[in-house]
Amino acid sequence: MTEIPAPTGECFCGCGSAARPGNYFRQGHDKKAEGDLNAPFHGDRVVQRLVDRGYGPGGQNLHQAAINSGLREACGVVEGCPASGRPGSAELRRHRATHACPTSS
């Protein structure tokens, strides 16, 4: 995995706006950047991006790949719970505390 750059105070989407200290993007601009990245390389579709990388029905399981990489952590409270989150994140701690298990991931 390549090294992640440090936040610079400027929004990484290319809009030229300031980002809050410690953030890469202004609020919502991460999704804008994702869409802009999908446009020239994947026909402007997230589904095409997944398929291009071997994920989706008949391919690899993206959710499991994220967990296996250590970038996501499975709920682990109940066997088969499809929830996951960033390791150590408040969202994952909250999920585990209340165990509001979704029916699908």
N, C-alpha and C. Protein backbone atom coordinates (compact mmCIF):
# COMPACT_ATOMS: atom_id res chain seq x y z
N MET A 1 0.84 -1.17 0.00
CA MET A 1 0.00 0.00 0.00
C MET A 1 0.89 1.24 0.00
N THR A 2 0.50 2.23 -0.77
CA THR A 2 1.28 3.46 -0.83
C THR A 2 1.03 4.32 0.41
N GLU A 3 1.99 5.17 0.68
CA GLU A 3 1.88 6.04 1.85
C GLU A 3 0.81 7.11 1.60
N ILE A 4 -0.01 7.34 2.60
CA ILE A 4 -1.08 8.34 2.50
C ILE A 4 -0.48 9.72 2.77
N PRO A 5 -0.77 10.69 1.89
CA PRO A 5 -0.23 12.03 2.12
C PRO A 5 -0.86 12.68 3.34
N ALA A 6 -0.17 13.62 3.92
CA ALA A 6 -0.71 14.35 5.07
C ALA A 6 -1.68 15.42 4.59
N PRO A 7 -2.71 15.71 5.39
CA PRO A 7 -3.60 16.83 5.06
C PRO A 7 -2.79 18.13 4.97
N THR A 8 -3.14 18.96 4.01
CA THR A 8 -2.39 20.19 3.77
C THR A 8 -3.14 21.45 4.15
N GLY A 9 -4.43 21.31 4.49
CA GLY A 9 -5.26 22.49 4.74
C GLY A 9 -6.04 22.91 3.51
N GLU A 10 -5.70 22.31 2.35
CA GLU A 10 -6.43 22.59 1.11
C GLU A 10 -7.24 21.35 0.74
N CYS A 11 -8.45 21.56 0.25
CA CYS A 11 -9.32 20.46 -0.15
C CYS A 11 -8.67 19.67 -1.29
N PHE A 12 -8.59 18.36 -1.14
CA PHE A 12 -7.96 17.50 -2.14
C PHE A 12 -8.80 17.29 -3.39
N CYS A 13 -10.06 17.75 -3.41
CA CYS A 13 -10.90 17.53 -4.59
C CYS A 13 -10.50 18.42 -5.75
N GLY A 14 -9.71 19.44 -5.47
CA GLY A 14 -9.28 20.34 -6.52
C GLY A 14 -10.07 21.63 -6.61
N CYS A 15 -10.98 21.85 -5.66
CA CYS A 15 -11.82 23.05 -5.71
C CYS A 15 -11.07 24.31 -5.29
N GLY A 16 -9.93 24.13 -4.62
CA GLY A 16 -9.15 25.27 -4.17
C GLY A 16 -9.56 25.83 -2.83
N SER A 17 -10.57 25.26 -2.21
CA SER A 17 -11.06 25.73 -0.90
C SER A 17 -10.22 25.17 0.24
N ALA A 18 -10.33 25.81 1.38
CA ALA A 18 -9.64 25.34 2.58
C ALA A 18 -10.41 24.16 3.18
N ALA A 19 -9.66 23.22 3.73
CA ALA A 19 -10.24 22.11 4.48
C ALA A 19 -9.93 22.33 5.95
N ARG A 20 -10.77 21.82 6.83
CA ARG A 20 -10.54 21.98 8.26
C ARG A 20 -9.23 21.29 8.64
N PRO A 21 -8.59 21.76 9.70
CA PRO A 21 -7.33 21.15 10.14
C PRO A 21 -7.48 19.64 10.32
N GLY A 22 -6.57 18.89 9.74
CA GLY A 22 -6.58 17.43 9.85
C GLY A 22 -7.45 16.73 8.82
N ASN A 23 -8.20 17.49 8.01
CA ASN A 23 -9.08 16.90 7.00
C ASN A 23 -8.48 17.05 5.60
N TYR A 24 -8.83 16.12 4.74
CA TYR A 24 -8.39 16.18 3.35
C TYR A 24 -9.39 16.95 2.48
N PHE A 25 -10.66 16.95 2.89
CA PHE A 25 -11.72 17.53 2.07
C PHE A 25 -12.62 18.45 2.89
N ARG A 26 -13.26 19.40 2.21
CA ARG A 26 -14.38 20.12 2.81
C ARG A 26 -15.52 19.11 2.91
N GLN A 27 -16.48 19.37 3.77
CA GLN A 27 -17.58 18.43 3.95
C GLN A 27 -18.28 18.16 2.61
N GLY A 28 -18.43 16.88 2.28
CA GLY A 28 -19.09 16.45 1.05
C GLY A 28 -18.19 16.40 -0.17
N HIS A 29 -17.04 17.01 -0.11
CA HIS A 29 -16.17 17.06 -1.27
C HIS A 29 -15.45 15.73 -1.54
N ASP A 30 -15.42 14.83 -0.55
CA ASP A 30 -14.86 13.50 -0.80
C ASP A 30 -15.71 12.77 -1.82
N LYS A 31 -17.03 12.92 -1.73
CA LYS A 31 -17.94 12.28 -2.70
C LYS A 31 -17.80 12.93 -4.07
N LYS A 32 -17.61 14.24 -4.10
CA LYS A 32 -17.39 14.95 -5.36
C LYS A 32 -16.11 14.41 -6.01
N ALA A 33 -15.05 14.27 -5.23
CA ALA A 33 -13.79 13.76 -5.76
C ALA A 33 -13.95 12.32 -6.25
N GLU A 34 -14.71 11.53 -5.51
CA GLU A 34 -14.93 10.14 -5.92
C GLU A 34 -15.65 10.10 -7.27
N GLY A 35 -16.66 10.93 -7.44
CA GLY A 35 -17.37 11.00 -8.71
C GLY A 35 -16.47 11.46 -9.84
N ASP A 36 -15.65 12.47 -9.55
CA ASP A 36 -14.72 12.97 -10.57
C ASP A 36 -13.70 11.91 -10.94
N LEU A 37 -13.27 11.11 -9.99
CA LEU A 37 -12.32 10.04 -10.26
C LEU A 37 -12.96 8.91 -11.07
N ASN A 38 -14.22 8.62 -10.78
CA ASN A 38 -14.92 7.57 -11.52
C ASN A 38 -15.16 7.97 -12.98
N ALA A 39 -15.40 9.25 -13.23
CA ALA A 39 -15.79 9.70 -14.57
C ALA A 39 -14.81 9.28 -15.66
N PRO A 40 -13.54 9.66 -15.59
CA PRO A 40 -12.66 9.33 -16.71
C PRO A 40 -12.17 7.88 -16.74
N PHE A 41 -12.20 7.20 -15.60
CA PHE A 41 -11.61 5.87 -15.53
C PHE A 41 -12.61 4.72 -15.49
N HIS A 42 -13.86 5.02 -15.11
CA HIS A 42 -14.82 3.93 -14.92
C HIS A 42 -16.21 4.28 -15.46
N GLY A 43 -16.28 5.11 -16.48
CA GLY A 43 -17.57 5.43 -17.08
C GLY A 43 -18.52 6.13 -16.13
N ASP A 44 -17.97 6.83 -15.12
CA ASP A 44 -18.77 7.58 -14.15
C ASP A 44 -19.67 6.70 -13.30
N ARG A 45 -19.27 5.46 -13.08
CA ARG A 45 -20.10 4.54 -12.29
C ARG A 45 -19.25 3.79 -11.26
N VAL A 46 -19.71 3.81 -10.03
CA VAL A 46 -19.02 3.07 -8.97
C VAL A 46 -19.07 1.58 -9.28
N VAL A 47 -20.20 1.10 -9.80
CA VAL A 47 -20.31 -0.33 -10.10
C VAL A 47 -19.25 -0.75 -11.12
N GLN A 48 -18.95 0.11 -12.09
CA GLN A 48 -17.92 -0.24 -13.07
C GLN A 48 -16.55 -0.28 -12.41
N ARG A 49 -16.32 0.62 -11.47
CA ARG A 49 -15.06 0.63 -10.73
C ARG A 49 -14.88 -0.68 -9.96
N LEU A 50 -15.95 -1.16 -9.35
CA LEU A 50 -15.90 -2.44 -8.62
C LEU A 50 -15.58 -3.59 -9.56
N VAL A 51 -16.32 -3.67 -10.65
CA VAL A 51 -16.13 -4.75 -11.62
C VAL A 51 -14.74 -4.70 -12.23
N ASP A 52 -14.25 -3.49 -12.54
CA ASP A 52 -12.91 -3.35 -13.11
C ASP A 52 -11.84 -3.90 -12.19
N ARG A 53 -12.11 -3.93 -10.89
CA ARG A 53 -11.14 -4.43 -9.92
C ARG A 53 -11.43 -5.86 -9.46
N GLY A 54 -12.43 -6.50 -10.07
CA GLY A 54 -12.70 -7.91 -9.78
C GLY A 54 -13.68 -8.16 -8.65
N TYR A 55 -14.45 -7.13 -8.25
CA TYR A 55 -15.42 -7.29 -7.17
C TYR A 55 -16.84 -7.36 -7.72
N GLY A 56 -17.76 -7.78 -6.87
CA GLY A 56 -19.17 -7.85 -7.26
C GLY A 56 -19.61 -9.29 -7.44
N PRO A 57 -20.86 -9.48 -7.86
CA PRO A 57 -21.37 -10.84 -8.07
C PRO A 57 -20.47 -11.62 -9.04
N GLY A 58 -20.11 -12.81 -8.62
CA GLY A 58 -19.23 -13.65 -9.43
C GLY A 58 -17.75 -13.30 -9.26
N GLY A 59 -17.46 -12.28 -8.47
CA GLY A 59 -16.09 -11.86 -8.23
C GLY A 59 -15.76 -11.91 -6.76
N GLN A 60 -14.75 -11.16 -6.39
CA GLN A 60 -14.34 -11.10 -4.99
C GLN A 60 -15.36 -10.33 -4.14
N ASN A 61 -15.35 -10.59 -2.85
CA ASN A 61 -16.20 -9.88 -1.90
C ASN A 61 -15.44 -8.65 -1.40
N LEU A 62 -15.88 -7.46 -1.80
CA LEU A 62 -15.20 -6.23 -1.43
C LEU A 62 -15.21 -6.01 0.07
N HIS A 63 -16.33 -6.27 0.71
CA HIS A 63 -16.45 -6.07 2.16
C HIS A 63 -15.42 -6.93 2.89
N GLN A 64 -15.32 -8.19 2.51
CA GLN A 64 -14.36 -9.09 3.16
C GLN A 64 -12.93 -8.68 2.85
N ALA A 65 -12.67 -8.20 1.63
CA ALA A 65 -11.33 -7.74 1.27
C ALA A 65 -10.92 -6.55 2.13
N ALA A 66 -11.86 -5.65 2.42
CA ALA A 66 -11.56 -4.50 3.27
C ALA A 66 -11.23 -4.95 4.69
N ILE A 67 -11.96 -5.94 5.19
CA ILE A 67 -11.69 -6.48 6.53
C ILE A 67 -10.34 -7.20 6.54
N ASN A 68 -10.09 -8.02 5.52
CA ASN A 68 -8.82 -8.75 5.44
C ASN A 68 -7.61 -7.82 5.35
N SER A 69 -7.80 -6.65 4.76
CA SER A 69 -6.71 -5.69 4.61
C SER A 69 -6.39 -4.97 5.92
N GLY A 70 -7.32 -5.05 6.90
CA GLY A 70 -7.13 -4.36 8.16
C GLY A 70 -7.64 -2.92 8.15
N LEU A 71 -8.17 -2.49 7.01
CA LEU A 71 -8.70 -1.12 6.92
C LEU A 71 -10.12 -1.03 7.45
N ARG A 72 -10.80 -2.16 7.55
CA ARG A 72 -12.13 -2.26 8.17
C ARG A 72 -12.04 -3.37 9.20
N GLU A 73 -12.90 -3.30 10.19
CA GLU A 73 -12.94 -4.32 11.24
C GLU A 73 -14.37 -4.81 11.37
N ALA A 74 -14.55 -6.13 11.39
CA ALA A 74 -15.87 -6.71 11.52
C ALA A 74 -16.44 -6.44 12.91
N CYS A 75 -17.76 -6.42 13.00
CA CYS A 75 -18.45 -6.20 14.27
C CYS A 75 -17.92 -7.17 15.32
N GLY A 76 -18.04 -8.46 15.06
CA GLY A 76 -17.52 -9.48 15.96
C GLY A 76 -18.37 -9.75 17.19
N VAL A 77 -19.45 -9.01 17.40
CA VAL A 77 -20.29 -9.23 18.57
C VAL A 77 -21.13 -10.49 18.38
N VAL A 78 -21.70 -10.62 17.21
CA VAL A 78 -22.53 -11.77 16.88
C VAL A 78 -22.03 -12.37 15.57
N GLU A 79 -21.85 -13.67 15.53
CA GLU A 79 -21.40 -14.36 14.32
C GLU A 79 -22.32 -13.99 13.15
N GLY A 80 -21.72 -13.60 12.05
CA GLY A 80 -22.48 -13.30 10.84
C GLY A 80 -23.00 -11.88 10.73
N CYS A 81 -22.77 -11.04 11.75
CA CYS A 81 -23.21 -9.65 11.65
C CYS A 81 -22.45 -8.99 10.51
N PRO A 82 -23.15 -8.38 9.55
CA PRO A 82 -22.48 -7.80 8.39
C PRO A 82 -21.87 -6.42 8.63
N ALA A 83 -22.05 -5.86 9.82
CA ALA A 83 -21.54 -4.52 10.10
C ALA A 83 -20.02 -4.53 10.24
N SER A 84 -19.41 -3.44 9.83
CA SER A 84 -17.98 -3.25 10.02
C SER A 84 -17.72 -1.75 10.08
N GLY A 85 -16.50 -1.39 10.43
CA GLY A 85 -16.14 0.01 10.49
C GLY A 85 -14.63 0.17 10.54
N ARG A 86 -14.19 1.41 10.54
CA ARG A 86 -12.76 1.67 10.68
C ARG A 86 -12.33 1.20 12.06
N PRO A 87 -11.21 0.51 12.16
CA PRO A 87 -10.75 0.04 13.47
C PRO A 87 -10.64 1.21 14.45
N GLY A 88 -11.22 1.04 15.63
CA GLY A 88 -11.17 2.06 16.66
C GLY A 88 -12.12 3.22 16.48
N SER A 89 -12.96 3.19 15.44
CA SER A 89 -13.85 4.32 15.17
C SER A 89 -14.99 4.39 16.18
N ALA A 90 -15.48 5.60 16.38
CA ALA A 90 -16.62 5.81 17.28
C ALA A 90 -17.84 5.07 16.76
N GLU A 91 -18.01 5.04 15.43
CA GLU A 91 -19.18 4.35 14.85
C GLU A 91 -19.15 2.86 15.17
N LEU A 92 -17.99 2.24 15.07
CA LEU A 92 -17.89 0.82 15.36
C LEU A 92 -18.08 0.55 16.85
N ARG A 93 -17.52 1.39 17.70
CA ARG A 93 -17.73 1.23 19.15
C ARG A 93 -19.21 1.38 19.49
N ARG A 94 -19.88 2.37 18.88
CA ARG A 94 -21.31 2.60 19.13
C ARG A 94 -22.12 1.40 18.67
N HIS A 95 -21.80 0.87 17.49
CA HIS A 95 -22.51 -0.30 16.98
C HIS A 95 -22.36 -1.47 17.95
N ARG A 96 -21.14 -1.71 18.39
CA ARG A 96 -20.91 -2.83 19.30
C ARG A 96 -21.62 -2.64 20.63
N ALA A 97 -21.68 -1.40 21.12
CA ALA A 97 -22.33 -1.12 22.41
C ALA A 97 -23.84 -1.36 22.34
N THR A 98 -24.44 -0.99 21.24
CA THR A 98 -25.90 -1.12 21.11
C THR A 98 -26.26 -2.36 20.32
N HIS A 99 -25.34 -2.90 19.63
CA HIS A 99 -25.47 -3.97 18.64
C HIS A 99 -26.75 -3.88 17.85
N ALA A 100 -26.86 -2.77 17.14
CA ALA A 100 -27.96 -2.57 16.18
C ALA A 100 -27.52 -3.22 14.88
N CYS A 101 -27.73 -4.53 14.79
CA CYS A 101 -27.23 -5.31 13.67
C CYS A 101 -28.09 -5.10 12.43
N PRO A 102 -27.50 -4.55 11.35
CA PRO A 102 -28.26 -4.39 10.11
C PRO A 102 -28.54 -5.74 9.47
N THR A 103 -29.51 -5.77 8.58
CA THR A 103 -29.85 -7.02 7.93
C THR A 103 -28.97 -7.30 6.73
N SER A 104 -28.30 -6.25 6.20
CA SER A 104 -27.36 -6.44 5.10
C SER A 104 -26.28 -5.42 5.21
N SER A 105 -25.12 -5.66 4.55
CA SER A 105 -23.99 -4.73 4.66
C SER A 105 -24.05 -3.64 3.65
